[in-house]
C-alpha atoms as a PDB file:
ATOM      1  CA  MET A   1     -28.461 -43.311  -4.849  1.00  0.00           C
ATOM      2  CA  ALA A   2     -29.270 -40.126  -2.972  1.00  0.00           C
ATOM      3  CA  LEU A   3     -29.426 -36.874  -4.872  1.00  0.00           C
ATOM      4  CA  GLY A   4     -26.615 -35.303  -2.802  1.00  0.00           C
ATOM      5  CA  ALA A   5     -24.318 -38.206  -3.524  1.00  0.00           C
ATOM      6  CA  ALA A   6     -25.114 -38.182  -7.238  1.00  0.00           C
ATOM      7  CA  ALA A   7     -24.567 -34.434  -7.551  1.00  0.00           C
ATOM      8  CA  GLY A   8     -21.413 -34.415  -5.449  1.00  0.00           C
ATOM      9  CA  PRO A   9     -20.725 -32.101  -2.544  1.00  0.00           C
ATOM     10  CA  LEU A  10     -22.885 -28.999  -2.554  1.00  0.00           C
ATOM     11  CA  THR A  11     -20.440 -26.635  -0.916  1.00  0.00           C
ATOM     12  CA  ALA A  12     -19.259 -23.786  -3.132  1.00  0.00           C
ATOM     13  CA  CYS A  13     -21.155 -25.073  -6.133  1.00  0.00           C
ATOM     14  CA  ASP A  14     -23.507 -23.315  -8.436  1.00  0.00           C
ATOM     15  CA  PRO A  15     -26.341 -25.110 -10.242  1.00  0.00           C
ATOM     16  CA  PHE A  16     -25.351 -23.209 -13.393  1.00  0.00           C
ATOM     17  CA  GLY A  17     -21.743 -24.408 -13.313  1.00  0.00           C
ATOM     18  CA  ARG A  18     -20.172 -21.070 -12.384  1.00  0.00           C
ATOM     19  CA  ASP A  19     -17.097 -21.139 -10.190  1.00  0.00           C
ATOM     20  CA  GLU A  20     -17.840 -19.323  -6.936  1.00  0.00           C
ATOM     21  CA  THR A  21     -14.267 -19.372  -5.711  1.00  0.00           C
ATOM     22  CA  PRO A  22     -13.142 -15.780  -5.278  1.00  0.00           C
ATOM     23  CA  PRO A  23     -10.049 -14.810  -7.212  1.00  0.00           C
ATOM     24  CA  PRO A  24      -6.830 -14.584  -5.199  1.00  0.00           C
ATOM     25  CA  PRO A  25      -5.886 -11.105  -4.016  1.00  0.00           C
ATOM     26  CA  ASP A  26      -3.735  -9.133  -6.402  1.00  0.00           C
ATOM     27  CA  PRO A  27      -0.044  -9.386  -5.429  1.00  0.00           C
ATOM     28  CA  LEU A  28       0.237  -5.585  -5.646  1.00  0.00           C
ATOM     29  CA  ARG A  29      -2.533  -4.972  -3.102  1.00  0.00           C
ATOM     30  CA  PRO A  30      -0.070  -4.982  -0.169  1.00  0.00           C
ATOM     31  CA  LEU A  31       1.974  -2.312  -1.979  1.00  0.00           C
ATOM     32  CA  LEU A  32      -1.168  -0.191  -2.352  1.00  0.00           C
ATOM     33  CA  ASP A  33      -2.044  -0.602   1.322  1.00  0.00           C
ATOM     34  CA  GLU A  34       1.512   0.242   2.328  1.00  0.00           C
ATOM     35  CA  SER A  35       1.511   3.364   0.136  1.00  0.00           C
ATOM     36  CA  LEU A  36      -1.643   4.564   1.874  1.00  0.00           C
ATOM     37  CA  ALA A  37      -0.186   3.792   5.302  1.00  0.00           C
ATOM     38  CA  LEU A  38       3.010   5.688   4.468  1.00  0.00           C
ATOM     39  CA  ALA A  39       1.061   8.692   3.169  1.00  0.00           C
ATOM     40  CA  THR A  40      -0.925   8.753   6.422  1.00  0.00           C
ATOM     41  CA  ALA A  41       2.208   8.379   8.568  1.00  0.00           C
ATOM     42  CA  TYR A  42       3.855  11.315   6.824  1.00  0.00           C
ATOM     43  CA  ARG A  43       0.735  13.455   7.101  1.00  0.00           C
ATOM     44  CA  ASP A  44       0.423  12.617  10.794  1.00  0.00           C
ATOM     45  CA  ALA A  45       4.074  13.522  11.386  1.00  0.00           C
ATOM     46  CA  ALA A  46       3.723  16.766   9.412  1.00  0.00           C
ATOM     47  CA  ALA A  47       0.623  17.711  11.433  1.00  0.00           C
ATOM     48  CA  ALA A  48       2.342  16.895  14.739  1.00  0.00           C
ATOM     49  CA  HIS A  49       5.609  18.647  13.843  1.00  0.00           C
ATOM     50  CA  VAL A  50       4.794  21.777  11.870  1.00  0.00           C
ATOM     51  CA  ASP A  51       8.500  22.587  11.484  1.00  0.00           C
ATOM     52  CA  LEU A  52       8.879  19.356   9.463  1.00  0.00           C
ATOM     53  CA  ALA A  53       5.764  19.847   7.337  1.00  0.00           C
ATOM     54  CA  ALA A  54       7.555  21.417   4.355  1.00  0.00           C
ATOM     55  CA  ARG A  55       9.921  18.448   4.269  1.00  0.00           C
ATOM     56  CA  LEU A  56       7.349  15.693   4.874  1.00  0.00           C
ATOM     57  CA  THR A  57       4.314  16.852   2.898  1.00  0.00           C
ATOM     58  CA  PRO A  58       5.865  16.282  -0.565  1.00  0.00           C
ATOM     59  CA  ILE A  59       6.776  12.739   0.474  1.00  0.00           C
ATOM     60  CA  ALA A  60       3.230  12.145   1.733  1.00  0.00           C
ATOM     61  CA  ASP A  61       1.953  13.431  -1.607  1.00  0.00           C
ATOM     62  CA  ALA A  62       4.274  11.069  -3.487  1.00  0.00           C
ATOM     63  CA  HIS A  63       2.981   8.080  -1.515  1.00  0.00           C
ATOM     64  CA  GLN A  64      -0.579   9.214  -2.188  1.00  0.00           C
ATOM     65  CA  ALA A  65       0.198   9.457  -5.915  1.00  0.00           C
ATOM     66  CA  HIS A  66       1.630   5.929  -5.836  1.00  0.00           C
ATOM     67  CA  ALA A  67      -1.506   4.676  -4.101  1.00  0.00           C
ATOM     68  CA  THR A  68      -3.676   6.422  -6.692  1.00  0.00           C
ATOM     69  CA  GLU A  69      -1.817   4.788  -9.583  1.00  0.00           C
ATOM     70  CA  LEU A  70      -1.847   1.367  -7.932  1.00  0.00           C
ATOM     71  CA  ALA A  71      -5.582   1.681  -7.253  1.00  0.00           C
ATOM     72  CA  ARG A  72      -6.165   2.595 -10.904  1.00  0.00           C
ATOM     73  CA  LEU A  73      -4.111  -0.417 -12.009  1.00  0.00           C
ATOM     74  CA  LEU A  74      -5.951  -2.733  -9.613  1.00  0.00           C
ATOM     75  CA  ASP A  75      -9.338  -1.153 -10.363  1.00  0.00           C
ATOM     76  CA  VAL A  76     -10.164  -0.438  -6.709  1.00  0.00           C
ATOM     77  CA  ASP A  77     -11.382   2.666  -4.923  1.00  0.00           C
ATOM     78  CA  LEU A  78      -9.154   4.516  -2.497  1.00  0.00           C
ATOM     79  CA  PRO A  79     -10.382   5.491   0.943  1.00  0.00           C
ATOM     80  CA  SER A  80     -10.119   9.162   1.806  1.00  0.00           C
ATOM     81  CA  THR A  81      -6.882  10.038   3.558  1.00  0.00           C
ATOM     82  CA  GLY A  82      -5.625  12.749   5.806  1.00  0.00           C
ATOM     83  CA  PRO A  83      -4.003  13.110   9.184  1.00  0.00           C
ATOM     84  CA  THR A  84      -5.273  10.599  11.700  1.00  0.00           C
ATOM     85  CA  PRO A  85      -7.526  12.286  14.272  1.00  0.00           C
ATOM     86  CA  GLY A  86      -5.389  12.721  17.356  1.00  0.00           C
ATOM     87  CA  GLY A  87      -2.316  11.930  15.231  1.00  0.00           C
ATOM     88  CA  ALA A  88      -0.331   8.730  15.404  1.00  0.00           C
ATOM     89  CA  ALA A  89       3.052  10.450  15.040  1.00  0.00           C
ATOM     90  CA  LEU A  90       5.632  10.144  17.760  1.00  0.00           C
ATOM     91  CA  PRO A  91       5.804  13.276  19.920  1.00  0.00           C
ATOM     92  CA  ASP A  92       9.562  13.804  19.500  1.00  0.00           C
ATOM     93  CA  PRO A  93      10.529  15.058  16.005  1.00  0.00           C
ATOM     94  CA  ASP A  94      13.730  12.996  15.921  1.00  0.00           C
ATOM     95  CA  ALA A  95      11.829   9.866  16.933  1.00  0.00           C
ATOM     96  CA  ALA A  96       9.182  10.620  14.288  1.00  0.00           C
ATOM     97  CA  LEU A  97      11.882  10.883  11.600  1.00  0.00           C
ATOM     98  CA  THR A  98      13.506   7.653  12.792  1.00  0.00           C
ATOM     99  CA  ASP A  99      10.113   5.922  12.615  1.00  0.00           C
ATOM    100  CA  LEU A 100       9.505   7.246   9.097  1.00  0.00           C
ATOM    101  CA  ARG A 101      12.968   6.109   7.974  1.00  0.00           C
ATOM    102  CA  GLN A 102      12.272   2.607   9.276  1.00  0.00           C
ATOM    103  CA  ARG A 103       8.874   2.491   7.558  1.00  0.00           C
ATOM    104  CA  GLU A 104      10.459   3.750   4.357  1.00  0.00           C
ATOM    105  CA  ARG A 105      13.180   1.040   4.486  1.00  0.00           C
ATOM    106  CA  VAL A 106      10.561  -1.671   4.902  1.00  0.00           C
ATOM    107  CA  GLY A 107       8.487  -0.107   2.124  1.00  0.00           C
ATOM    108  CA  ARG A 108      11.462   0.166  -0.211  1.00  0.00           C
ATOM    109  CA  ASP A 109      12.341  -3.482   0.343  1.00  0.00           C
ATOM    110  CA  ALA A 110       8.735  -4.551  -0.272  1.00  0.00           C
ATOM    111  CA  ALA A 111       8.621  -2.514  -3.487  1.00  0.00           C
ATOM    112  CA  VAL A 112      11.912  -4.007  -4.722  1.00  0.00           C
ATOM    113  CA  THR A 113      10.588  -7.513  -4.038  1.00  0.00           C
ATOM    114  CA  ALA A 114       7.286  -6.716  -5.777  1.00  0.00           C
ATOM    115  CA  CYS A 115       9.155  -5.273  -8.761  1.00  0.00           C
ATOM    116  CA  ALA A 116      11.297  -8.378  -9.154  1.00  0.00           C
ATOM    117  CA  SER A 117       8.217 -10.581  -9.413  1.00  0.00           C
ATOM    118  CA  ALA A 118       5.909  -8.197 -11.303  1.00  0.00           C
ATOM    119  CA  PRO A 119       4.949  -8.834 -14.903  1.00  0.00           C
ATOM    120  CA  ALA A 120       6.568  -6.456 -17.393  1.00  0.00           C
ATOM    121  CA  ALA A 121       3.403  -4.362 -17.718  1.00  0.00           C
ATOM    122  CA  ARG A 122       3.571  -3.555 -14.004  1.00  0.00           C
ATOM    123  CA  ALA A 123       7.316  -3.500 -13.406  1.00  0.00           C
ATOM    124  CA  ALA A 124       7.847   0.104 -14.498  1.00  0.00           C
ATOM    125  CA  LEU A 125       5.321   1.464 -11.996  1.00  0.00           C
ATOM    126  CA  VAL A 126       6.543  -0.751  -9.175  1.00  0.00           C
ATOM    127  CA  GLY A 127      10.168   0.026  -9.997  1.00  0.00           C
ATOM    128  CA  SER A 128       9.486   3.757  -9.871  1.00  0.00           C
ATOM    129  CA  ILE A 129       7.823   3.297  -6.477  1.00  0.00           C
ATOM    130  CA  ALA A 130      10.882   1.414  -5.220  1.00  0.00           C
ATOM    131  CA  ALA A 131      13.173   4.162  -6.523  1.00  0.00           C
ATOM    132  CA  ALA A 132      11.040   6.886  -4.948  1.00  0.00           C
ATOM    133  CA  ARG A 133      11.125   5.133  -1.589  1.00  0.00           C
ATOM    134  CA  ALA A 134      14.906   4.981  -1.782  1.00  0.00           C
ATOM    135  CA  THR A 135      15.063   8.715  -2.449  1.00  0.00           C
ATOM    136  CA  HIS A 136      12.697   9.355   0.456  1.00  0.00           C
ATOM    137  CA  LEU A 137      15.276   7.757   2.716  1.00  0.00           C
ATOM    138  CA  GLU A 138      17.815  10.298   1.507  1.00  0.00           C
ATOM    139  CA  ALA A 139      15.364  13.168   2.105  1.00  0.00           C
ATOM    140  CA  LEU A 140      14.883  11.993   5.690  1.00  0.00           C
ATOM    141  CA  LYS A 141      18.586  12.175   6.598  1.00  0.00           C
END
């Protein structure tokens, strides 16, 4: 019998018996990524539309705070954030607000879904994120 056949397939095996299969991604990672994307979108819109900055900056800060807490929970580092060079905001203020409202709706729905399936230890944080996103929609009216 050949050594390879006796030892079994050699893909993803370790001679010391350790499992080399990476763990699945954390189910809250998409919520973290979305929080960062929302913070950036708000900062871009505030930079592009200075007259909206006082209204949008606190919401950007809230999304950044959510990302910070999620990163702490997931034990990952956050990338630095700020307005995107050249800005990705829509040039018309009304269109920018419409875009932010749509992003916020999608984000709220994702947070509600994540909250419903989160373990109890995580549900309070995710629930507060969902509630904050709902209030952001009101602030954008």
